[in-house]
Protein backbone atom coordinates (compact mmCIF):
# COMPACT_ATOMS: atom_id res chain seq x y z
CA MET A 1 0.00 0.00 0.00
CA ILE A 2 2.82 2.40 0.87
CA MET A 3 4.52 1.66 -2.44
CA LEU A 4 1.32 2.35 -4.39
CA LEU A 5 0.95 5.70 -2.66
CA LEU A 6 4.53 6.61 -3.48
CA ILE A 7 4.05 5.69 -7.15
CA ALA A 8 0.86 7.74 -7.30
CA ALA A 9 2.63 10.70 -5.71
CA ALA A 10 5.46 10.46 -8.25
CA LEU A 11 3.00 10.46 -11.17
CA LEU A 12 1.07 13.37 -9.66
CA PHE A 13 4.29 15.33 -9.29
CA ALA A 14 5.25 14.63 -12.90
CA LEU A 15 1.85 15.56 -14.37
CA PRO A 16 2.55 19.34 -14.66
CA LEU A 17 5.83 18.59 -16.41
CA LEU A 18 4.10 16.28 -18.87
CA LEU A 19 1.50 18.92 -19.74
CA ALA A 20 3.92 21.83 -20.11
CA ALA A 21 6.90 20.17 -21.79
CA SER A 22 7.58 19.15 -25.38
CA VAL A 23 6.72 15.70 -26.69
CA GLU A 24 10.31 14.44 -26.32
CA THR A 25 10.65 15.76 -22.77
CA SER A 26 7.22 14.38 -21.85
CA LEU A 27 8.20 10.93 -23.09
CA LEU A 28 11.48 11.11 -21.16
CA VAL A 29 9.72 12.16 -17.94
CA LEU A 30 7.14 9.42 -18.45
CA LEU A 31 9.90 6.83 -18.99
CA VAL A 32 11.67 7.95 -15.82
CA CYS A 33 8.37 7.71 -13.91
CA VAL A 34 7.72 4.20 -15.25
CA ILE A 35 11.22 3.05 -14.24
CA ALA A 36 10.80 4.70 -10.84
CA GLY A 37 7.45 2.96 -10.47
CA ILE A 38 8.96 -0.42 -11.25
CA MET A 39 11.75 0.24 -8.76
CA LEU A 40 9.24 1.10 -6.07
CA TRP A 41 6.98 -1.83 -6.94
CA LYS A 42 9.89 -4.29 -7.12
CA PRO A 43 12.66 -2.94 -4.87
CA GLU A 44 14.92 -5.90 -5.66
CA PHE A 45 14.90 -4.76 -9.28
CA THR A 46 16.48 -1.49 -8.12
CA THR A 47 19.34 -3.35 -6.42
CA LEU A 48 20.15 -5.32 -9.56
CA VAL A 49 19.93 -2.32 -11.88
CA VAL A 50 22.18 -0.22 -9.65
CA ILE A 51 24.73 -3.04 -9.39
CA PHE A 52 24.80 -3.54 -13.17
CA VAL A 53 25.21 0.20 -13.79
CA PHE A 54 27.82 0.41 -11.04
CA TYR A 55 30.00 -2.46 -12.24
CA THR A 56 29.92 -1.52 -15.90
CA ASN A 57 30.83 2.04 -14.87
CA LEU A 58 27.85 3.27 -16.87
CA SER A 59 27.32 6.25 -14.59
CA VAL A 60 30.83 7.56 -15.31
CA VAL A 61 30.47 6.74 -19.01
CA ALA A 62 27.22 8.71 -18.96
CA ILE A 63 29.16 11.77 -17.77
CA LEU A 64 31.44 11.39 -20.80
CA ASN A 65 28.31 11.50 -22.93
CA GLY A 66 26.89 14.68 -21.44
CA VAL A 67 24.84 13.51 -18.44
CA PRO A 68 25.18 15.95 -15.50
CA ASP A 69 27.73 14.85 -12.91
CA PHE A 70 25.40 15.02 -9.91
CA ILE A 71 22.91 12.64 -11.56
CA ALA A 72 25.48 10.05 -12.64
CA THR A 73 27.60 10.04 -9.49
CA SER A 74 24.64 9.80 -7.13
CA PHE A 75 23.03 6.89 -8.96
CA PHE A 76 24.00 4.35 -6.31
CA VAL A 77 21.93 6.33 -3.76
CA LEU A 78 18.92 4.61 -5.38
CA LEU A 79 19.86 1.66 -3.16
CA GLY A 80 17.96 3.63 -0.55
CA VAL A 81 14.75 2.42 -2.23
CA PRO A 82 15.21 -1.30 -1.41
CA LEU A 83 16.77 -0.33 1.92
CA PHE A 84 13.63 1.65 2.82
CA TYR A 85 11.45 -1.28 1.82
CA ILE A 86 13.51 -3.79 3.84
CA ILE A 87 13.95 -1.72 7.01
CA ILE A 88 10.70 0.29 7.14
CA VAL A 89 8.12 -1.80 5.28
CA GLN A 90 9.34 -5.33 6.06
CA ARG A 91 10.74 -4.22 9.43
CA GLN A 92 13.89 -6.29 9.18
CA ARG A 93 16.78 -5.41 11.44
CA VAL A 94 19.76 -3.42 10.25
CA VAL A 95 22.79 -5.59 9.43
CA ILE A 96 25.98 -4.54 11.21
CA ASN A 97 28.75 -7.10 10.86
CA ALA A 98 32.35 -7.26 12.10
CA ALA A 99 33.72 -5.85 8.85
CA LEU A 100 31.45 -2.80 9.10
CA ILE A 101 32.62 -2.16 12.66
CA LEU A 102 36.23 -2.35 11.49
CA MET A 103 35.40 0.09 8.68
CA VAL A 104 34.14 2.60 11.26
CA ILE A 105 37.32 2.08 13.31
CA TYR A 106 39.39 2.60 10.16
CA LEU A 107 37.54 5.87 9.52
CA ALA A 108 38.31 7.03 13.05
CA VAL A 109 42.01 6.18 12.70
CA SER A 110 42.10 7.90 9.28
CA LEU A 111 40.69 11.07 10.84
CA LEU A 112 43.26 10.89 13.64
CA SER A 113 46.05 10.32 11.12
CA ALA A 114 44.78 13.28 9.09
CA ALA A 115 44.71 15.49 12.19
CA VAL A 116 48.39 14.89 12.97
CA SER A 117 49.56 15.11 9.34
CA VAL A 118 51.52 18.06 7.98
CA GLN A 119 48.55 19.21 5.85
CA PRO A 120 45.23 17.99 7.34
CA SER A 121 43.22 19.80 4.65
CA ALA A 122 44.97 17.78 1.92
CA THR A 123 43.55 14.54 3.35
CA TYR A 124 39.92 15.64 2.99
CA SER A 125 39.39 14.19 -0.49
CA ARG A 126 40.72 10.74 0.47
CA VAL A 127 38.68 10.54 3.68
CA ASN A 128 35.54 11.82 1.95
CA ASN A 129 35.88 9.29 -0.87
CA TYR A 130 36.26 6.48 1.67
CA LEU A 131 33.17 7.65 3.55
CA VAL A 132 30.99 7.71 0.41
CA GLU A 133 32.48 4.96 -1.79
CA GLY A 134 33.52 2.78 1.10
CA LEU A 135 31.54 2.97 4.32
CA ILE A 136 28.19 4.15 2.95
CA LEU A 137 28.34 1.90 -0.12
CA TYR A 138 29.21 -1.11 2.06
CA PHE A 139 26.32 -0.38 4.44
CA LEU A 140 23.83 -0.08 1.58
CA ILE A 141 24.95 -3.24 -0.21
CA VAL A 142 25.16 -5.47 2.85
CA ASN A 143 21.68 -4.37 3.94
CA CYS A 144 20.03 -4.78 0.51
CA ILE A 145 20.99 -8.45 0.05
CA ARG A 146 19.02 -10.48 2.59
CA ASN A 147 18.44 -14.00 1.22
CA PRO A 148 20.10 -16.63 -1.00
CA GLN A 149 17.78 -15.89 -3.93
CA ARG A 150 18.70 -12.20 -3.97
CA LEU A 151 22.39 -13.05 -3.62
CA ARG A 152 22.17 -15.43 -6.57
CA GLN A 153 20.57 -12.67 -8.65
CA VAL A 154 23.38 -10.29 -7.67
CA VAL A 155 26.03 -12.84 -8.66
CA TRP A 156 24.35 -13.31 -12.02
CA THR A 157 24.12 -9.54 -12.48
CA LEU A 158 27.86 -9.25 -11.93
CA ILE A 159 28.60 -12.11 -14.32
CA LEU A 160 26.38 -10.60 -17.02
CA ALA A 161 27.96 -7.18 -16.48
CA GLY A 162 31.43 -8.69 -16.86
CA GLY A 163 30.35 -10.69 -19.88
CA PHE A 164 28.90 -7.57 -21.48
CA ILE A 165 31.95 -5.32 -21.15
CA GLY A 166 34.33 -8.24 -21.73
CA GLY A 167 32.45 -9.09 -24.91
CA LEU A 168 33.00 -5.56 -26.22
CA SER A 169 36.74 -5.90 -25.55
CA VAL A 170 36.84 -9.28 -27.27
CA TYR A 171 35.13 -7.73 -30.30
CA GLN A 172 37.80 -5.03 -30.41
CA GLY A 173 40.60 -7.56 -30.04
CA VAL A 174 39.25 -9.91 -32.70
CA THR A 175 38.32 -7.26 -35.27
CA GLY A 176 41.07 -4.76 -34.50
CA ASP A 177 38.44 -2.02 -34.49
CA TYR A 178 39.95 0.12 -31.74
CA GLU A 179 38.43 3.33 -33.07
CA ASN A 180 34.99 2.28 -31.87
CA ASP A 181 34.94 2.57 -28.09
CA PHE A 182 31.16 2.03 -27.84
CA SER A 183 30.56 5.49 -26.35
CA GLY A 184 33.19 4.89 -23.67
CA LEU A 185 32.24 1.35 -22.66
CA ALA A 186 35.29 -0.12 -24.41
CA GLN A 187 38.09 2.41 -24.11
CA VAL A 188 41.59 1.80 -25.42
CA SER A 189 44.67 2.60 -23.35
CA ASN A 190 47.29 4.94 -24.77
CA ALA A 191 49.96 2.55 -23.51
CA GLN A 192 51.34 -0.11 -25.81
CA ILE A 193 53.79 -2.90 -25.04
CA ASN A 194 56.46 -4.67 -27.01
CA ALA A 195 55.46 -8.16 -28.09
CA GLY A 196 58.71 -9.54 -29.43
CA PRO A 197 60.40 -9.13 -32.80
CA GLU A 198 58.22 -8.53 -35.85
CA SER A 199 60.78 -9.83 -38.31
CA PHE A 200 64.26 -11.37 -38.53
CA LEU A 201 65.60 -7.81 -38.66
CA GLY A 202 64.61 -7.40 -35.02
CA ASP A 203 61.89 -4.79 -35.47
CA GLN A 204 59.68 -4.60 -32.39
CA ARG A 205 56.00 -5.38 -32.71
CA THR A 206 53.62 -3.57 -30.35
CA VAL A 207 50.17 -4.55 -29.12
CA THR A 208 47.33 -2.36 -27.91
CA ARG A 209 46.11 -2.65 -24.32
CA LEU A 210 42.36 -2.42 -23.76
CA ALA A 211 40.88 -0.52 -20.83
CA GLY A 212 37.12 -1.24 -20.95
CA PRO A 213 34.71 1.25 -19.35
CA ILE A 214 37.28 2.14 -16.67
CA GLY A 215 39.76 3.78 -19.04
CA GLU A 216 42.78 2.28 -17.22
CA LYS A 217 44.03 -1.12 -18.34
CA ASN A 218 45.29 -2.51 -15.01
CA ARG A 219 42.14 -1.42 -13.13
CA TYR A 220 39.97 -2.95 -15.83
CA ALA A 221 41.88 -6.22 -15.47
CA GLN A 222 41.49 -6.03 -11.70
CA ILE A 223 37.69 -5.75 -11.72
CA MET A 224 37.41 -8.46 -14.38
CA VAL A 225 39.66 -11.11 -12.86
CA VAL A 226 37.62 -11.19 -9.64
CA LEU A 227 34.56 -12.22 -11.68
CA VAL A 228 36.24 -15.38 -12.99
CA PRO A 229 35.63 -17.50 -9.83
CA LEU A 230 32.02 -16.25 -9.67
CA ALA A 231 31.42 -17.42 -13.23
CA ILE A 232 33.04 -20.77 -12.41
CA SER A 233 30.79 -21.14 -9.37
CA ARG A 234 27.72 -20.75 -11.58
CA ILE A 235 29.03 -23.22 -14.17
CA ILE A 236 29.32 -25.85 -11.44
CA ALA A 237 26.35 -24.97 -9.22
CA GLU A 238 23.53 -24.20 -11.68
CA LYS A 239 21.13 -27.05 -12.36
CA SER A 240 19.95 -25.67 -15.70
CA ARG A 241 22.16 -26.53 -18.67
CA ALA A 242 21.22 -23.26 -20.35
CA LEU A 243 22.40 -21.26 -17.35
CA ARG A 244 25.65 -23.24 -17.16
CA VAL A 245 26.29 -22.49 -20.83
CA LEU A 246 25.48 -18.81 -20.26
CA ALA A 247 27.89 -18.66 -17.33
CA ALA A 248 30.58 -20.33 -19.46
CA LEU A 249 30.10 -17.85 -22.31
CA CYS A 250 30.27 -14.91 -19.91
CA GLY A 251 33.34 -16.45 -18.29
CA ILE A 252 35.05 -16.70 -21.69
CA ALA A 253 34.26 -13.04 -22.41
CA ILE A 254 35.52 -12.03 -18.96
CA LEU A 255 38.79 -13.93 -19.47
CA GLY A 256 39.13 -12.49 -22.96
CA GLY A 257 38.72 -8.96 -21.64
CA THR A 258 41.25 -9.68 -18.90
CA PHE A 259 43.87 -11.05 -21.28
CA LEU A 260 43.51 -8.11 -23.68
CA THR A 261 44.59 -5.71 -20.91
CA PHE A 262 47.98 -7.49 -20.87
CA SER A 263 48.09 -6.96 -17.12
CA ARG A 264 50.81 -9.02 -15.47
CA GLY A 265 49.19 -8.64 -12.07
CA ALA A 266 45.95 -10.16 -13.36
CA GLY A 267 47.91 -13.09 -14.80
CA ILE A 268 49.54 -13.75 -11.43
CA ALA A 269 46.13 -13.48 -9.74
CA LEU A 270 44.73 -16.15 -12.07
CA VAL A 271 47.62 -18.49 -11.23
CA VAL A 272 47.22 -17.91 -7.48
CA MET A 273 43.48 -18.44 -7.77
CA PHE A 274 43.83 -21.74 -9.65
CA VAL A 275 46.43 -23.01 -7.18
CA ALA A 276 44.09 -22.08 -4.31
CA MET A 277 41.25 -23.94 -6.02
CA LEU A 278 43.37 -27.07 -6.09
CA ILE A 279 44.68 -26.78 -2.54
CA LEU A 280 41.35 -25.81 -0.94
CA ARG A 281 39.39 -28.24 -3.16
CA THR A 282 36.74 -25.68 -3.93
CA ILE A 283 35.90 -27.34 -7.27
CA PRO A 284 36.02 -30.98 -8.43
CA PHE A 285 39.38 -31.99 -9.90
CA ARG A 286 37.92 -32.60 -13.37
CA TYR A 287 36.77 -28.98 -13.51
CA TRP A 288 40.16 -27.80 -12.32
CA LEU A 289 41.90 -29.87 -14.99
CA ALA A 290 39.58 -28.46 -17.66
CA LEU A 291 40.42 -24.93 -16.49
CA ALA A 292 44.16 -25.67 -16.39
CA VAL A 293 43.99 -26.68 -20.05
CA GLY A 294 41.24 -24.34 -21.26
CA VAL A 295 42.44 -21.01 -19.84
CA PRO A 296 45.87 -21.09 -21.59
CA LEU A 297 44.11 -22.09 -24.82
CA LEU A 298 41.79 -19.08 -24.48
CA MET A 299 44.86 -16.94 -23.91
CA LEU A 300 46.33 -18.22 -27.17
CA VAL A 301 43.08 -17.44 -28.99
CA PHE A 302 42.43 -13.93 -27.63
CA ALA A 303 45.88 -12.62 -26.74
CA PRO A 304 48.79 -14.88 -27.81
CA ASP A 305 51.23 -12.07 -26.98
CA TYR A 306 50.16 -12.31 -23.33
CA PHE A 307 52.73 -15.08 -22.82
CA GLU A 308 55.47 -12.67 -23.94
CA ARG A 309 54.14 -10.11 -21.48
CA ILE A 310 54.10 -12.57 -18.57
CA SER A 311 57.63 -13.72 -19.36
CA THR A 312 58.97 -10.29 -18.37
CA LEU A 313 58.18 -11.17 -14.77
CA GLY A 314 61.38 -13.21 -14.80
CA GLU A 315 63.23 -9.92 -14.60
CA VAL A 316 62.07 -9.60 -10.99
CA SER A 317 64.64 -12.21 -9.97
CA GLY A 318 67.33 -9.92 -11.38
CA LEU A 319 66.05 -7.07 -9.23
CA ALA A 320 66.13 -9.28 -6.14
CA SER A 321 69.77 -10.18 -6.80
CA GLY A 322 70.72 -6.57 -7.49
CA ASP A 323 71.04 -6.94 -11.28
CA THR A 324 68.97 -4.15 -12.84
CA SER A 325 70.41 -4.39 -16.34
CA SER A 326 67.68 -6.65 -17.72
CA ALA A 327 64.67 -5.17 -15.89
CA ASP A 328 62.26 -3.00 -17.88
CA THR A 329 61.56 0.58 -16.79
CA SER A 330 58.13 -0.37 -15.42
CA LEU A 331 59.56 -2.91 -12.98
CA LEU A 332 62.37 -0.56 -11.97
CA GLY A 333 59.88 2.22 -11.36
CA ARG A 334 57.62 0.05 -9.23
CA ALA A 335 60.52 -1.29 -7.20
CA THR A 336 61.70 2.28 -6.58
CA GLU A 337 58.22 3.41 -5.52
CA ASN A 338 57.67 0.48 -3.18
CA LEU A 339 61.05 0.78 -1.48
CA GLY A 340 60.50 4.51 -1.12
CA THR A 341 57.11 3.85 0.47
CA ILE A 342 58.76 1.58 3.04
CA LEU A 343 61.12 4.41 3.97
CA ILE A 344 58.15 6.76 4.45
CA PHE A 345 56.44 4.22 6.72
CA LEU A 346 59.56 3.69 8.81
CA ASP A 347 59.78 7.45 9.35
CA ARG A 348 56.23 7.65 10.78
CA PRO A 349 55.15 4.09 11.68
CA ILE A 350 52.27 4.66 14.12
CA LEU A 351 49.78 6.93 12.29
CA GLY A 352 51.57 7.47 8.99
CA VAL A 353 51.81 10.67 6.99
CA GLY A 354 48.05 11.04 6.51
CA PRO A 355 45.43 9.47 4.21
CA GLY A 356 46.47 9.90 0.59
CA GLN A 357 49.63 11.81 1.51
CA THR A 358 52.32 9.26 0.59
CA ILE A 359 52.40 10.70 -2.92
CA ARG A 360 53.75 14.00 -1.51
CA TYR A 361 56.85 12.29 -0.08
CA LEU A 362 57.46 9.40 -2.46
CA ARG A 363 59.57 11.11 -5.13
CA ALA A 364 62.17 12.26 -2.60
CA ALA A 365 62.15 8.94 -0.74
CA GLY A 366 62.32 6.90 -3.95
CA ASN A 367 65.27 8.85 -5.31
CA GLU A 368 67.22 7.89 -2.20
CA ILE A 369 67.03 4.25 -3.34
CA GLY A 370 68.98 4.74 -6.57
CA LEU A 371 67.23 2.16 -8.81
CA ARG A 372 65.46 4.67 -11.03
CA ARG A 373 65.14 8.43 -10.72
CA LEU A 374 61.57 9.61 -10.23
CA THR A 375 60.92 12.90 -12.01
CA GLU A 376 57.31 13.37 -10.91
CA ASP A 377 55.05 12.60 -7.97
CA ARG A 378 53.99 8.96 -8.00
CA ARG A 379 51.83 6.67 -5.88
CA ALA A 380 53.10 3.38 -4.51
CA HIS A 381 52.29 0.38 -6.68
CA ASN A 382 51.27 -1.66 -3.67
CA MET A 383 48.04 -1.22 -1.71
CA TYR A 384 49.48 -2.63 1.51
CA LEU A 385 52.67 -0.57 1.57
CA GLU A 386 50.82 2.63 0.69
CA GLU A 387 48.29 2.03 3.45
CA LEU A 388 51.11 1.49 5.95
CA ALA A 389 52.72 4.76 4.88
CA ASP A 390 49.40 6.65 4.83
CA THR A 391 47.86 5.60 8.16
CA GLY A 392 50.61 3.67 9.92
CA ILE A 393 50.30 0.43 11.86
CA LEU A 394 47.05 1.50 13.54
CA GLY A 395 45.26 2.29 10.30
CA PHE A 396 46.68 -0.71 8.46
CA SER A 397 45.57 -3.09 11.23
CA ALA A 398 41.94 -1.98 10.86
CA PHE A 399 42.22 -1.81 7.06
CA ILE A 400 43.61 -5.33 6.58
CA GLY A 401 41.24 -6.71 9.21
CA ILE A 402 38.23 -5.94 6.97
CA PRO A 403 39.04 -8.44 4.18
CA LEU A 404 40.48 -10.92 6.68
CA VAL A 405 37.31 -11.22 8.79
CA THR A 406 35.30 -11.45 5.56
CA MET A 407 37.47 -14.26 4.19
CA ILE A 408 37.35 -16.12 7.51
CA GLY A 409 33.55 -15.84 7.48
CA LEU A 410 33.40 -17.12 3.89
CA TRP A 411 35.67 -20.04 4.76
CA ARG A 412 33.66 -21.06 7.83
CA GLN A 413 30.34 -20.86 6.04
CA SER A 414 31.67 -22.76 3.03
CA ARG A 415 32.82 -25.57 5.33
CA TYR A 416 29.37 -25.68 6.91
CA TRP A 417 27.49 -25.84 3.60
CA LYS A 418 29.89 -28.11 1.69
CA THR A 419 28.01 -31.29 2.62
CA ARG A 420 24.60 -29.61 3.01
CA ASN A 421 24.05 -27.49 -0.09
CA SER A 422 26.40 -27.57 -3.09
CA GLU A 423 25.14 -24.31 -4.60
CA TYR A 424 25.69 -22.36 -1.38
CA PHE A 425 29.16 -23.85 -0.99
CA HIS A 426 30.28 -22.90 -4.50
CA THR A 427 28.87 -19.38 -4.13
CA LEU A 428 30.83 -18.83 -0.92
CA ALA A 429 33.98 -20.38 -2.40
CA GLY A 430 33.61 -18.12 -5.45
CA PHE A 431 33.63 -15.00 -3.28
CA LEU A 432 36.56 -16.28 -1.24
CA LEU A 433 38.60 -16.77 -4.40
CA ALA A 434 37.43 -13.41 -5.80
CA ILE A 435 38.79 -11.57 -2.76
CA LEU A 436 42.00 -13.60 -2.96
CA ALA A 437 42.37 -12.56 -6.61
CA TYR A 438 41.86 -8.88 -5.77
CA MET A 439 44.29 -9.04 -2.85
CA THR A 440 46.87 -10.58 -5.19
CA THR A 441 46.52 -7.79 -7.76
CA ALA A 442 46.75 -5.26 -4.90
CA THR A 443 50.35 -6.37 -4.42
CA PHE A 444 51.11 -4.56 -7.68
CA LEU A 445 48.55 -1.72 -7.55
CA HIS A 446 47.65 1.01 -5.10
CA LEU A 447 44.04 1.43 -3.99
CA SER A 448 42.54 3.42 -6.82
CA TYR A 449 38.92 3.07 -8.02
CA ALA A 450 38.42 1.96 -4.42
CA ARG A 451 34.65 1.67 -4.86
CA TYR A 452 35.13 -1.67 -6.61
CA TYR A 453 37.18 -3.00 -3.70
CA TRP A 454 34.63 -2.01 -1.08
CA PHE A 455 31.79 -3.23 -3.27
CA LEU A 456 33.37 -6.69 -3.59
CA LEU A 457 33.86 -6.88 0.17
CA ALA A 458 30.28 -5.71 0.71
CA VAL A 459 28.72 -8.40 -1.49
CA ALA A 460 31.00 -11.02 0.08
CA GLY A 461 30.03 -9.74 3.54
CA ALA A 462 26.38 -10.01 2.56
CA ALA A 463 27.01 -13.61 1.45
CA VAL A 464 28.47 -14.46 4.86
CA TRP A 465 25.48 -12.91 6.65
CA VAL A 466 22.89 -14.49 4.33
CA PHE A 467 24.21 -18.03 4.64
CA LYS A 468 24.89 -17.70 8.35
CA GLU A 469 21.29 -16.58 8.85
CA THR A 470 20.06 -19.36 6.57
CA ALA A 471 22.02 -21.93 8.58
CA TYR A 472 20.56 -20.58 11.82
CA LEU A 473 17.00 -20.73 10.50
CA SER A 474 17.57 -24.20 9.06
CA GLU A 475 18.89 -25.57 12.35
CA ARG A 476 16.08 -23.88 14.24
CA GLN A 477 13.48 -25.39 11.93
CA GLY A 478 15.12 -28.81 12.23
CA LYS A 479 15.08 -28.57 16.01
CA HIS A 480 11.42 -27.53 15.93
CA GLU A 481 10.51 -30.52 13.73
CA LEU A 482 12.44 -32.82 16.06
CA ASP A 483 10.53 -31.43 19.06
CA GLN A 484 7.23 -31.96 17.22
CA GLN A 485 8.11 -35.59 16.52
CA SER A 486 9.03 -36.21 20.17
CA VAL A 487 5.66 -34.82 21.23
């Protein structure tokens, strides 16, 4: 009844606009009202739409195409619609888990670190972004996913989103049509890499790196690689053959998009993830064997030069032994930045130099190392080291505790459901491996586009809560049935 009244109020509010505006504007207003009505009538639809738009970066792409900033950037606030329905209409309790408590503690430490920094005002942007794209986003997501059915829909939304943008990248890679960026949904990076000799004369051949809707190749790879275990979980867990095939097709597109970024960090994440699958036995061995054979074959099909790119990681051993002659400039630069970040942390180990302030000190600290001279301000290429330098041991402890408690919760719930419900088990294992993949890539990347990191942790946190609650209700129902039988 409340929803009907809200829909009626929205239509009544729009009526003067429909009467006074042009035909095109009237149709646009009417379309917006219809979509708003559907969102109010089916709040779960709102959650799925927002997640799809969020993960495909459609709101930012919309800005590139002329949509006002305040409309595009505030799109995720629409999650307030299902939240209102769940908390006010259905009168369900607010979800506050251990990770959310740690996020509040991390905010408090960040504010304290900012207060004692050299320039407190310079930390405002970083703290504000964390508050909006981290804490608030996490709270909304974890409170909008309340049952296994909704979680399954969210997982499928993410897989379809990844398949969609990955498919655009695969089209570009196969056709070579890099001029068409699909209005910003399939951007091409300005960076190119050498892919070995083009001829016996030794001419170097270069390949183009794709950047998807993000516009940055390594970040695009990062948000794609975490979807791989989710797609695998659906291939194994779905009972419908059609859905298994759909998950496989999306998974192929996701892998194709990942390979075409030529991100070395994503390649390492895939290897770590597949090793973890084998050790933790999250999937049957026959599936693991199929992946071990199939993924390299897909790499040969979509991006055969990716093997050349991965081979450059061997130069890291030279860096470790002190031989820098064979290392490329990228590896030298990252080594310089990371070692410089360690020096910054050691100088102020308790509260750090302030949120987002490592960049102000890194050039000077890095040039003390002597591997490569830094000529401009740079961020550390390591999420963990930069967090240590930014907020010190206190901030890092809260920061790293957030994914750790989430992964522990996923592991415990997966053990519980492994012999009770195969679909639940594979869903939980998929999220566990997704976080592991992200944490692996974070060894080579600082925390940029942080909203994707907090979003992944939020959905994984929701999965822990959903299946823990489901287990509690299941055991309670079983106990009740047992009591009835004894009577």
